[in-house]
Amino acid sequence: MTNPLSPDLRGTLYERIGPDALRSLLERFYRHVAADPSLADLFPGHQHAALWAVTLEKQFAFLSGFLGGPPLYHQRYGHPRLRARHLPFAITPGRARAWLACMRAALQESPEIGADTAAELYTALSRVAVQMVNSEE
């Protein structure tokens, strides 16, 4: 099995998705997250659109580099230290599954992202979600 984040003949996931489609995906994703009571409260000030915009922008910056594009997060904020940044929040297996369900729904609503590319992205993010779990149910 190949690493889904490695470039192949089709390019990196970032190149295949593109920045515009990635941003649109994240807009859809955060609409799902905001509607999920088990997730929305994990985001400080989740009732305020401006704070959601900051969250979306940080996620876009992180995913850009994670998917093989420009290292925007590193340039703007330093090393992501994902697990450490998530430790203040109770990330349970259920919340990880809910987060992934929001991503799956957003991917299904993103016709500009091909099915194979969407499956690769989902697989990669599934591994990240499991790593973020830091609490029991």
C-alpha atoms as a PDB file:
ATOM      1  CA  MET A   1       0.000   0.000   0.000  1.00  0.00           C
ATOM      2  CA  THR A   2       1.323   3.458  -0.861  1.00  0.00           C
ATOM      3  CA  ASN A   3       1.346   6.415   1.475  1.00  0.00           C
ATOM      4  CA  PRO A   4      -1.727   8.511   0.519  1.00  0.00           C
ATOM      5  CA  LEU A   5       0.201  11.694   1.241  1.00  0.00           C
ATOM      6  CA  SER A   6       3.110  10.834  -1.060  1.00  0.00           C
ATOM      7  CA  PRO A   7       3.163  12.310  -4.529  1.00  0.00           C
ATOM      8  CA  ASP A   8       2.279   9.877  -7.266  1.00  0.00           C
ATOM      9  CA  LEU A   9       1.826  10.239 -10.998  1.00  0.00           C
ATOM     10  CA  ARG A  10      -1.318  12.252 -10.324  1.00  0.00           C
ATOM     11  CA  GLY A  11       0.450  14.604  -7.878  1.00  0.00           C
ATOM     12  CA  THR A  12      -0.005  15.176  -4.168  1.00  0.00           C
ATOM     13  CA  LEU A  13      -3.437  15.220  -2.609  1.00  0.00           C
ATOM     14  CA  TYR A  14      -3.093  18.994  -2.366  1.00  0.00           C
ATOM     15  CA  GLU A  15      -2.403  19.250  -6.102  1.00  0.00           C
ATOM     16  CA  ARG A  16      -5.307  16.941  -6.952  1.00  0.00           C
ATOM     17  CA  ILE A  17      -7.754  18.752  -4.677  1.00  0.00           C
ATOM     18  CA  GLY A  18      -6.519  22.302  -5.205  1.00  0.00           C
ATOM     19  CA  PRO A  19      -6.762  25.211  -2.769  1.00  0.00           C
ATOM     20  CA  ASP A  20     -10.209  26.375  -3.867  1.00  0.00           C
ATOM     21  CA  ALA A  21     -11.812  22.942  -3.510  1.00  0.00           C
ATOM     22  CA  LEU A  22     -10.010  22.417  -0.195  1.00  0.00           C
ATOM     23  CA  ARG A  23     -11.405  25.674   1.167  1.00  0.00           C
ATOM     24  CA  SER A  24     -14.909  24.775  -0.058  1.00  0.00           C
ATOM     25  CA  LEU A  25     -14.603  21.353   1.554  1.00  0.00           C
ATOM     26  CA  LEU A  26     -13.657  22.945   4.864  1.00  0.00           C
ATOM     27  CA  GLU A  27     -16.579  25.380   4.680  1.00  0.00           C
ATOM     28  CA  ARG A  28     -18.932  22.417   4.253  1.00  0.00           C
ATOM     29  CA  PHE A  29     -17.117  20.479   6.972  1.00  0.00           C
ATOM     30  CA  TYR A  30     -17.383  23.259   9.563  1.00  0.00           C
ATOM     31  CA  ARG A  31     -21.091  23.693   8.848  1.00  0.00           C
ATOM     32  CA  HIS A  32     -21.477  20.033   9.867  1.00  0.00           C
ATOM     33  CA  VAL A  33     -19.219  20.460  12.897  1.00  0.00           C
ATOM     34  CA  ALA A  34     -21.177  23.531  14.052  1.00  0.00           C
ATOM     35  CA  ALA A  35     -24.405  21.524  13.871  1.00  0.00           C
ATOM     36  CA  ASP A  36     -23.018  18.595  15.880  1.00  0.00           C
ATOM     37  CA  PRO A  37     -23.561  19.160  19.618  1.00  0.00           C
ATOM     38  CA  SER A  38     -20.748  16.769  20.526  1.00  0.00           C
ATOM     39  CA  LEU A  39     -18.244  18.805  18.494  1.00  0.00           C
ATOM     40  CA  ALA A  40     -19.340  22.435  18.355  1.00  0.00           C
ATOM     41  CA  ASP A  41     -18.551  23.078  22.006  1.00  0.00           C
ATOM     42  CA  LEU A  42     -14.923  22.042  21.441  1.00  0.00           C
ATOM     43  CA  PHE A  43     -14.370  25.278  19.542  1.00  0.00           C
ATOM     44  CA  PRO A  44     -14.003  28.430  21.645  1.00  0.00           C
ATOM     45  CA  GLY A  45     -16.652  30.959  20.718  1.00  0.00           C
ATOM     46  CA  HIS A  46     -18.324  28.523  18.359  1.00  0.00           C
ATOM     47  CA  GLN A  47     -21.410  30.720  18.101  1.00  0.00           C
ATOM     48  CA  HIS A  48     -19.445  33.504  16.380  1.00  0.00           C
ATOM     49  CA  ALA A  49     -18.864  33.362  12.638  1.00  0.00           C
ATOM     50  CA  ALA A  50     -15.597  35.316  12.886  1.00  0.00           C
ATOM     51  CA  LEU A  51     -14.097  32.699  15.215  1.00  0.00           C
ATOM     52  CA  TRP A  52     -15.223  29.885  12.920  1.00  0.00           C
ATOM     53  CA  ALA A  53     -13.450  31.727  10.093  1.00  0.00           C
ATOM     54  CA  VAL A  54     -10.202  31.693  12.104  1.00  0.00           C
ATOM     55  CA  THR A  55     -10.623  27.982  12.817  1.00  0.00           C
ATOM     56  CA  LEU A  56     -11.283  27.276   9.150  1.00  0.00           C
ATOM     57  CA  GLU A  57      -8.234  29.286   8.104  1.00  0.00           C
ATOM     58  CA  LYS A  58      -5.971  27.425  10.523  1.00  0.00           C
ATOM     59  CA  GLN A  59      -7.325  24.093   9.298  1.00  0.00           C
ATOM     60  CA  PHE A  60      -6.788  25.183   5.690  1.00  0.00           C
ATOM     61  CA  ALA A  61      -3.208  26.182   6.494  1.00  0.00           C
ATOM     62  CA  PHE A  62      -2.564  22.871   8.252  1.00  0.00           C
ATOM     63  CA  LEU A  63      -4.142  20.697   5.566  1.00  0.00           C
ATOM     64  CA  SER A  64      -2.318  22.551   2.801  1.00  0.00           C
ATOM     65  CA  GLY A  65       1.012  21.355   4.150  1.00  0.00           C
ATOM     66  CA  PHE A  66      -0.269  18.002   5.397  1.00  0.00           C
ATOM     67  CA  LEU A  67      -1.541  17.162   1.920  1.00  0.00           C
ATOM     68  CA  GLY A  68       1.719  18.050   0.188  1.00  0.00           C
ATOM     69  CA  GLY A  69       1.129  21.706  -0.628  1.00  0.00           C
ATOM     70  CA  PRO A  70       2.696  24.841   0.804  1.00  0.00           C
ATOM     71  CA  PRO A  71       3.585  24.658   4.526  1.00  0.00           C
ATOM     72  CA  LEU A  72       1.290  27.532   5.447  1.00  0.00           C
ATOM     73  CA  TYR A  73       0.678  26.439   9.024  1.00  0.00           C
ATOM     74  CA  HIS A  74       4.394  26.117   9.756  1.00  0.00           C
ATOM     75  CA  GLN A  75       5.047  29.526   8.215  1.00  0.00           C
ATOM     76  CA  ARG A  76       2.277  31.289  10.147  1.00  0.00           C
ATOM     77  CA  TYR A  77       2.071  29.451  13.458  1.00  0.00           C
ATOM     78  CA  GLY A  78       5.102  27.178  13.789  1.00  0.00           C
ATOM     79  CA  HIS A  79       5.017  23.420  14.234  1.00  0.00           C
ATOM     80  CA  PRO A  80       1.413  22.191  14.502  1.00  0.00           C
ATOM     81  CA  ARG A  81       2.027  19.949  17.551  1.00  0.00           C
ATOM     82  CA  LEU A  82      -1.406  18.475  16.864  1.00  0.00           C
ATOM     83  CA  ARG A  83      -1.677  16.169  19.832  1.00  0.00           C
ATOM     84  CA  ALA A  84      -0.386  18.784  22.271  1.00  0.00           C
ATOM     85  CA  ARG A  85      -2.756  21.439  20.910  1.00  0.00           C
ATOM     86  CA  HIS A  86      -5.697  19.095  21.360  1.00  0.00           C
ATOM     87  CA  LEU A  87      -4.836  17.921  24.896  1.00  0.00           C
ATOM     88  CA  PRO A  88      -6.896  20.648  26.624  1.00  0.00           C
ATOM     89  CA  PHE A  89     -10.003  19.189  24.960  1.00  0.00           C
ATOM     90  CA  ALA A  90     -11.605  15.846  25.728  1.00  0.00           C
ATOM     91  CA  ILE A  91     -11.261  14.059  22.411  1.00  0.00           C
ATOM     92  CA  THR A  92     -13.096  10.789  22.914  1.00  0.00           C
ATOM     93  CA  PRO A  93     -13.421   7.967  20.389  1.00  0.00           C
ATOM     94  CA  GLY A  94     -17.021   9.095  19.861  1.00  0.00           C
ATOM     95  CA  ARG A  95     -15.949  12.644  19.107  1.00  0.00           C
ATOM     96  CA  ALA A  96     -13.294  11.364  16.715  1.00  0.00           C
ATOM     97  CA  ARG A  97     -15.988   9.345  14.918  1.00  0.00           C
ATOM     98  CA  ALA A  98     -18.296  12.385  14.850  1.00  0.00           C
ATOM     99  CA  TRP A  99     -15.477  14.534  13.416  1.00  0.00           C
ATOM    100  CA  LEU A 100     -14.876  11.937  10.721  1.00  0.00           C
ATOM    101  CA  ALA A 101     -18.609  11.713   9.998  1.00  0.00           C
ATOM    102  CA  CYS A 102     -18.645  15.468   9.408  1.00  0.00           C
ATOM    103  CA  MET A 103     -15.697  15.115   7.047  1.00  0.00           C
ATOM    104  CA  ARG A 104     -17.330  12.215   5.202  1.00  0.00           C
ATOM    105  CA  ALA A 105     -20.513  14.257   4.752  1.00  0.00           C
ATOM    106  CA  ALA A 106     -18.537  17.253   3.511  1.00  0.00           C
ATOM    107  CA  LEU A 107     -16.606  15.057   1.068  1.00  0.00           C
ATOM    108  CA  GLN A 108     -19.858  13.592  -0.244  1.00  0.00           C
ATOM    109  CA  GLU A 109     -21.084  17.160  -0.826  1.00  0.00           C
ATOM    110  CA  SER A 110     -17.909  18.046  -2.772  1.00  0.00           C
ATOM    111  CA  PRO A 111     -18.355  16.899  -6.379  1.00  0.00           C
ATOM    112  CA  GLU A 112     -15.201  18.789  -7.358  1.00  0.00           C
ATOM    113  CA  ILE A 113     -13.164  16.224  -5.392  1.00  0.00           C
ATOM    114  CA  GLY A 114     -13.043  12.883  -7.172  1.00  0.00           C
ATOM    115  CA  ALA A 115     -14.098   9.725  -5.346  1.00  0.00           C
ATOM    116  CA  ASP A 116     -10.599   8.200  -5.291  1.00  0.00           C
ATOM    117  CA  THR A 117      -9.047  11.412  -3.993  1.00  0.00           C
ATOM    118  CA  ALA A 118     -11.816  11.792  -1.400  1.00  0.00           C
ATOM    119  CA  ALA A 119     -11.198   8.240  -0.199  1.00  0.00           C
ATOM    120  CA  GLU A 120      -7.448   8.905   0.134  1.00  0.00           C
ATOM    121  CA  LEU A 121      -8.074  12.089   2.075  1.00  0.00           C
ATOM    122  CA  TYR A 122     -10.571  10.380   4.366  1.00  0.00           C
ATOM    123  CA  THR A 123      -8.118   7.552   5.047  1.00  0.00           C
ATOM    124  CA  ALA A 124      -5.348   9.998   5.925  1.00  0.00           C
ATOM    125  CA  LEU A 125      -7.629  12.016   8.206  1.00  0.00           C
ATOM    126  CA  SER A 126      -8.900   8.837   9.859  1.00  0.00           C
ATOM    127  CA  ARG A 127      -5.377   8.131  11.056  1.00  0.00           C
ATOM    128  CA  VAL A 128      -5.076  11.663  12.428  1.00  0.00           C
ATOM    129  CA  ALA A 129      -8.435  11.441  14.211  1.00  0.00           C
ATOM    130  CA  VAL A 130      -7.375   8.251  15.993  1.00  0.00           C
ATOM    131  CA  GLN A 131      -4.135   9.916  17.112  1.00  0.00           C
ATOM    132  CA  MET A 132      -6.036  12.859  18.621  1.00  0.00           C
ATOM    133  CA  VAL A 133      -8.086  10.678  20.999  1.00  0.00           C
ATOM    134  CA  ASN A 134      -6.995  11.558  24.528  1.00  0.00           C
ATOM    135  CA  SER A 135     -10.007  10.656  26.685  1.00  0.00           C
ATOM    136  CA  GLU A 136     -12.390   7.791  27.237  1.00  0.00           C
ATOM    137  CA  GLU A 137     -16.097   8.135  26.582  1.00  0.00           C
END
